[in-house]
Amino acid sequence: MPKAIGADKKRETRTLAQAIGAELTELRRSKKLSQQKLADRLGYDVSHVRQTEMGGNPTLEFLTAIAAFFSLNLSEFIHRAERRVTPAR
């Protein structure tokens, strides 16, 4: 079975936005959803999911929708992302 694109790459998580993207990617993959399928279920364009996963700055509304979809409190989702942040060397 072929591996997912970028599956073996270490994601940079120096900023909270990058960490949020990495957390979203992990949650999405755990449910075996494509970016398009997640976007459809959230009621957003796939560009929102893609940009967020790449470290873009999502809106609070979008973050709330993500957290609710994965049955998390927004604060828990952010806390999980914060634990991923690695300081620059």
N, C-alpha and C. Protein backbone atom coordinates (compact mmCIF):
# COMPACT_ATOMS: atom_id res chain seq x y z
N MET A 1 0.85 -1.18 0.00
CA MET A 1 0.00 0.00 0.00
C MET A 1 0.89 1.24 0.00
N PRO A 2 0.66 2.18 -0.89
CA PRO A 2 1.49 3.38 -0.92
C PRO A 2 1.22 4.26 0.30
N LYS A 3 2.29 4.91 0.76
CA LYS A 3 2.10 5.80 1.92
C LYS A 3 1.59 7.15 1.45
N ALA A 4 0.98 7.87 2.37
CA ALA A 4 0.43 9.18 2.06
C ALA A 4 1.55 10.15 1.72
N ILE A 5 1.25 11.10 0.88
CA ILE A 5 2.21 12.13 0.50
C ILE A 5 2.65 12.87 1.75
N GLY A 6 3.96 12.98 1.94
CA GLY A 6 4.50 13.70 3.08
C GLY A 6 4.40 12.96 4.40
N ALA A 7 3.99 11.68 4.36
CA ALA A 7 3.77 10.93 5.59
C ALA A 7 5.04 10.75 6.41
N ASP A 8 6.19 10.74 5.76
CA ASP A 8 7.42 10.51 6.51
C ASP A 8 8.18 11.81 6.81
N LYS A 9 7.59 12.95 6.48
CA LYS A 9 8.25 14.23 6.74
C LYS A 9 7.96 14.69 8.15
N LYS A 10 8.98 15.23 8.82
CA LYS A 10 8.82 15.82 10.15
C LYS A 10 8.27 17.22 9.95
N ARG A 11 7.14 17.51 10.57
CA ARG A 11 6.51 18.82 10.42
C ARG A 11 7.16 19.80 11.37
N GLU A 12 7.47 20.99 10.87
CA GLU A 12 7.97 22.06 11.72
C GLU A 12 6.81 22.61 12.53
N THR A 13 7.03 22.78 13.81
CA THR A 13 5.99 23.34 14.67
C THR A 13 6.62 24.38 15.59
N ARG A 14 7.22 25.37 15.00
CA ARG A 14 7.85 26.44 15.77
C ARG A 14 6.86 27.50 16.21
N THR A 15 5.74 27.56 15.51
CA THR A 15 4.71 28.56 15.85
C THR A 15 3.43 27.82 16.22
N LEU A 16 2.55 28.51 16.92
CA LEU A 16 1.27 27.91 17.28
C LEU A 16 0.48 27.58 16.02
N ALA A 17 0.53 28.43 15.02
CA ALA A 17 -0.21 28.16 13.78
C ALA A 17 0.27 26.87 13.12
N GLN A 18 1.58 26.64 13.09
CA GLN A 18 2.11 25.40 12.53
C GLN A 18 1.68 24.20 13.37
N ALA A 19 1.68 24.37 14.68
CA ALA A 19 1.28 23.29 15.58
C ALA A 19 -0.21 22.97 15.42
N ILE A 20 -1.03 23.98 15.24
CA ILE A 20 -2.46 23.76 15.00
C ILE A 20 -2.62 22.97 13.70
N GLY A 21 -1.86 23.33 12.68
CA GLY A 21 -1.92 22.60 11.41
C GLY A 21 -1.52 21.15 11.57
N ALA A 22 -0.46 20.88 12.33
CA ALA A 22 -0.01 19.51 12.55
C ALA A 22 -1.06 18.72 13.34
N GLU A 23 -1.65 19.35 14.33
CA GLU A 23 -2.69 18.67 15.13
C GLU A 23 -3.90 18.37 14.27
N LEU A 24 -4.31 19.32 13.45
CA LEU A 24 -5.45 19.08 12.56
C LEU A 24 -5.16 17.93 11.60
N THR A 25 -3.97 17.92 11.03
CA THR A 25 -3.60 16.84 10.11
C THR A 25 -3.69 15.49 10.80
N GLU A 26 -3.15 15.41 12.01
CA GLU A 26 -3.17 14.14 12.73
C GLU A 26 -4.61 13.70 13.04
N LEU A 27 -5.43 14.63 13.50
CA LEU A 27 -6.82 14.30 13.81
C LEU A 27 -7.56 13.85 12.55
N ARG A 28 -7.35 14.57 11.45
CA ARG A 28 -8.02 14.24 10.19
C ARG A 28 -7.62 12.86 9.70
N ARG A 29 -6.32 12.58 9.75
CA ARG A 29 -5.83 11.26 9.30
C ARG A 29 -6.32 10.14 10.20
N SER A 30 -6.46 10.42 11.49
CA SER A 30 -6.95 9.39 12.41
C SER A 30 -8.36 8.95 12.06
N LYS A 31 -9.13 9.83 11.44
CA LYS A 31 -10.48 9.51 11.00
C LYS A 31 -10.51 9.08 9.53
N LYS A 32 -9.31 8.97 8.93
CA LYS A 32 -9.16 8.55 7.53
C LYS A 32 -9.97 9.42 6.57
N LEU A 33 -9.90 10.73 6.80
CA LEU A 33 -10.60 11.69 5.96
C LEU A 33 -9.61 12.44 5.08
N SER A 34 -10.02 12.69 3.86
CA SER A 34 -9.24 13.58 3.00
C SER A 34 -9.52 15.01 3.45
N GLN A 35 -8.69 15.93 2.99
CA GLN A 35 -8.95 17.34 3.29
C GLN A 35 -10.30 17.76 2.73
N GLN A 36 -10.64 17.27 1.54
CA GLN A 36 -11.91 17.62 0.92
C GLN A 36 -13.10 17.10 1.73
N LYS A 37 -13.01 15.86 2.17
CA LYS A 37 -14.12 15.29 2.95
C LYS A 37 -14.31 16.02 4.27
N LEU A 38 -13.20 16.37 4.93
CA LEU A 38 -13.31 17.12 6.17
C LEU A 38 -13.94 18.49 5.91
N ALA A 39 -13.48 19.16 4.88
CA ALA A 39 -14.04 20.47 4.54
C ALA A 39 -15.54 20.38 4.29
N ASP A 40 -15.94 19.36 3.55
CA ASP A 40 -17.37 19.18 3.26
C ASP A 40 -18.16 18.98 4.55
N ARG A 41 -17.64 18.18 5.45
CA ARG A 41 -18.35 17.91 6.71
C ARG A 41 -18.40 19.13 7.62
N LEU A 42 -17.38 19.99 7.52
CA LEU A 42 -17.35 21.20 8.32
C LEU A 42 -18.18 22.33 7.69
N GLY A 43 -18.45 22.20 6.39
CA GLY A 43 -19.18 23.25 5.68
C GLY A 43 -18.28 24.39 5.22
N TYR A 44 -17.01 24.08 5.01
CA TYR A 44 -16.03 25.07 4.55
C TYR A 44 -15.42 24.62 3.24
N ASP A 45 -14.78 25.54 2.56
CA ASP A 45 -14.03 25.21 1.36
C ASP A 45 -12.76 24.47 1.76
N VAL A 46 -12.32 23.58 0.90
CA VAL A 46 -11.12 22.79 1.19
C VAL A 46 -9.89 23.69 1.42
N SER A 47 -9.90 24.89 0.87
CA SER A 47 -8.76 25.79 1.06
C SER A 47 -8.56 26.14 2.54
N HIS A 48 -9.65 26.19 3.32
CA HIS A 48 -9.52 26.46 4.75
C HIS A 48 -8.73 25.36 5.45
N VAL A 49 -9.07 24.11 5.12
CA VAL A 49 -8.38 22.97 5.72
C VAL A 49 -6.93 22.97 5.28
N ARG A 50 -6.71 23.11 3.99
CA ARG A 50 -5.35 23.05 3.43
C ARG A 50 -4.46 24.14 4.03
N GLN A 51 -4.96 25.37 4.06
CA GLN A 51 -4.15 26.48 4.58
C GLN A 51 -3.87 26.31 6.07
N THR A 52 -4.85 25.84 6.81
CA THR A 52 -4.65 25.63 8.24
C THR A 52 -3.61 24.55 8.47
N GLU A 53 -3.69 23.45 7.74
CA GLU A 53 -2.72 22.37 7.90
C GLU A 53 -1.31 22.82 7.52
N MET A 54 -1.20 23.79 6.66
CA MET A 54 0.11 24.28 6.23
C MET A 54 0.64 25.39 7.15
N GLY A 55 -0.09 25.70 8.23
CA GLY A 55 0.39 26.69 9.17
C GLY A 55 -0.19 28.07 8.99
N GLY A 56 -1.28 28.17 8.22
CA GLY A 56 -1.95 29.45 8.05
C GLY A 56 -2.68 29.84 9.32
N ASN A 57 -3.18 31.04 9.37
CA ASN A 57 -3.88 31.54 10.55
C ASN A 57 -5.38 31.38 10.38
N PRO A 58 -5.96 30.35 10.99
CA PRO A 58 -7.40 30.12 10.84
C PRO A 58 -8.21 31.08 11.70
N THR A 59 -9.47 31.24 11.36
CA THR A 59 -10.35 32.07 12.17
C THR A 59 -10.78 31.30 13.41
N LEU A 60 -11.22 32.04 14.40
CA LEU A 60 -11.74 31.42 15.62
C LEU A 60 -12.95 30.56 15.29
N GLU A 61 -13.76 31.03 14.38
CA GLU A 61 -14.95 30.27 13.96
C GLU A 61 -14.55 28.92 13.36
N PHE A 62 -13.53 28.91 12.52
CA PHE A 62 -13.07 27.66 11.90
C PHE A 62 -12.49 26.73 12.95
N LEU A 63 -11.69 27.27 13.87
CA LEU A 63 -11.12 26.44 14.94
C LEU A 63 -12.22 25.82 15.81
N THR A 64 -13.26 26.59 16.07
CA THR A 64 -14.38 26.09 16.86
C THR A 64 -15.07 24.94 16.13
N ALA A 65 -15.24 25.08 14.82
CA ALA A 65 -15.86 24.02 14.02
C ALA A 65 -15.01 22.75 14.02
N ILE A 66 -13.69 22.92 13.92
CA ILE A 66 -12.78 21.77 13.95
C ILE A 66 -12.89 21.05 15.29
N ALA A 67 -12.79 21.81 16.37
CA ALA A 67 -12.85 21.22 17.70
C ALA A 67 -14.16 20.46 17.90
N ALA A 68 -15.26 21.06 17.52
CA ALA A 68 -16.57 20.41 17.68
C ALA A 68 -16.65 19.13 16.85
N PHE A 69 -16.15 19.17 15.64
CA PHE A 69 -16.19 17.98 14.78
C PHE A 69 -15.45 16.82 15.41
N PHE A 70 -14.31 17.10 16.04
CA PHE A 70 -13.51 16.04 16.66
C PHE A 70 -13.87 15.84 18.14
N SER A 71 -15.01 16.38 18.55
CA SER A 71 -15.52 16.22 19.92
C SER A 71 -14.53 16.69 20.99
N LEU A 72 -13.92 17.84 20.72
CA LEU A 72 -12.98 18.45 21.66
C LEU A 72 -13.50 19.82 22.05
N ASN A 73 -13.18 20.26 23.24
CA ASN A 73 -13.37 21.67 23.58
C ASN A 73 -12.32 22.44 22.81
N LEU A 74 -12.63 23.66 22.44
CA LEU A 74 -11.66 24.48 21.73
C LEU A 74 -10.38 24.62 22.54
N SER A 75 -10.52 24.81 23.84
CA SER A 75 -9.33 24.97 24.69
C SER A 75 -8.47 23.71 24.66
N GLU A 76 -9.08 22.53 24.62
CA GLU A 76 -8.31 21.28 24.57
C GLU A 76 -7.58 21.16 23.23
N PHE A 77 -8.26 21.53 22.15
CA PHE A 77 -7.61 21.48 20.84
C PHE A 77 -6.39 22.40 20.82
N ILE A 78 -6.55 23.62 21.32
CA ILE A 78 -5.43 24.57 21.35
C ILE A 78 -4.33 24.05 22.27
N HIS A 79 -4.70 23.51 23.41
CA HIS A 79 -3.69 22.97 24.34
C HIS A 79 -2.89 21.84 23.69
N ARG A 80 -3.57 20.96 22.98
CA ARG A 80 -2.87 19.88 22.28
C ARG A 80 -1.87 20.45 21.27
N ALA A 81 -2.28 21.51 20.58
CA ALA A 81 -1.38 22.15 19.62
C ALA A 81 -0.22 22.82 20.33
N GLU A 82 -0.49 23.48 21.44
CA GLU A 82 0.58 24.17 22.18
C GLU A 82 1.66 23.19 22.63
N ARG A 83 1.29 21.98 22.97
CA ARG A 83 2.28 20.97 23.37
C ARG A 83 3.19 20.58 22.22
N ARG A 84 2.79 20.85 21.00
CA ARG A 84 3.60 20.51 19.82
C ARG A 84 4.65 21.59 19.50
N VAL A 85 4.48 22.78 20.01
CA VAL A 85 5.37 23.89 19.65
C VAL A 85 6.77 23.60 20.17
N THR A 86 7.72 23.67 19.25
CA THR A 86 9.13 23.49 19.62
C THR A 86 9.86 24.79 19.37
N PRO A 87 10.55 25.31 20.38
CA PRO A 87 11.23 26.59 20.20
C PRO A 87 12.35 26.51 19.15
N ALA A 88 12.58 27.62 18.50
CA ALA A 88 13.67 27.71 17.52
C ALA A 88 15.00 27.57 18.24
N ARG A 89 15.96 26.98 17.57
CA ARG A 89 17.28 26.78 18.19
C ARG A 89 18.22 27.87 17.83
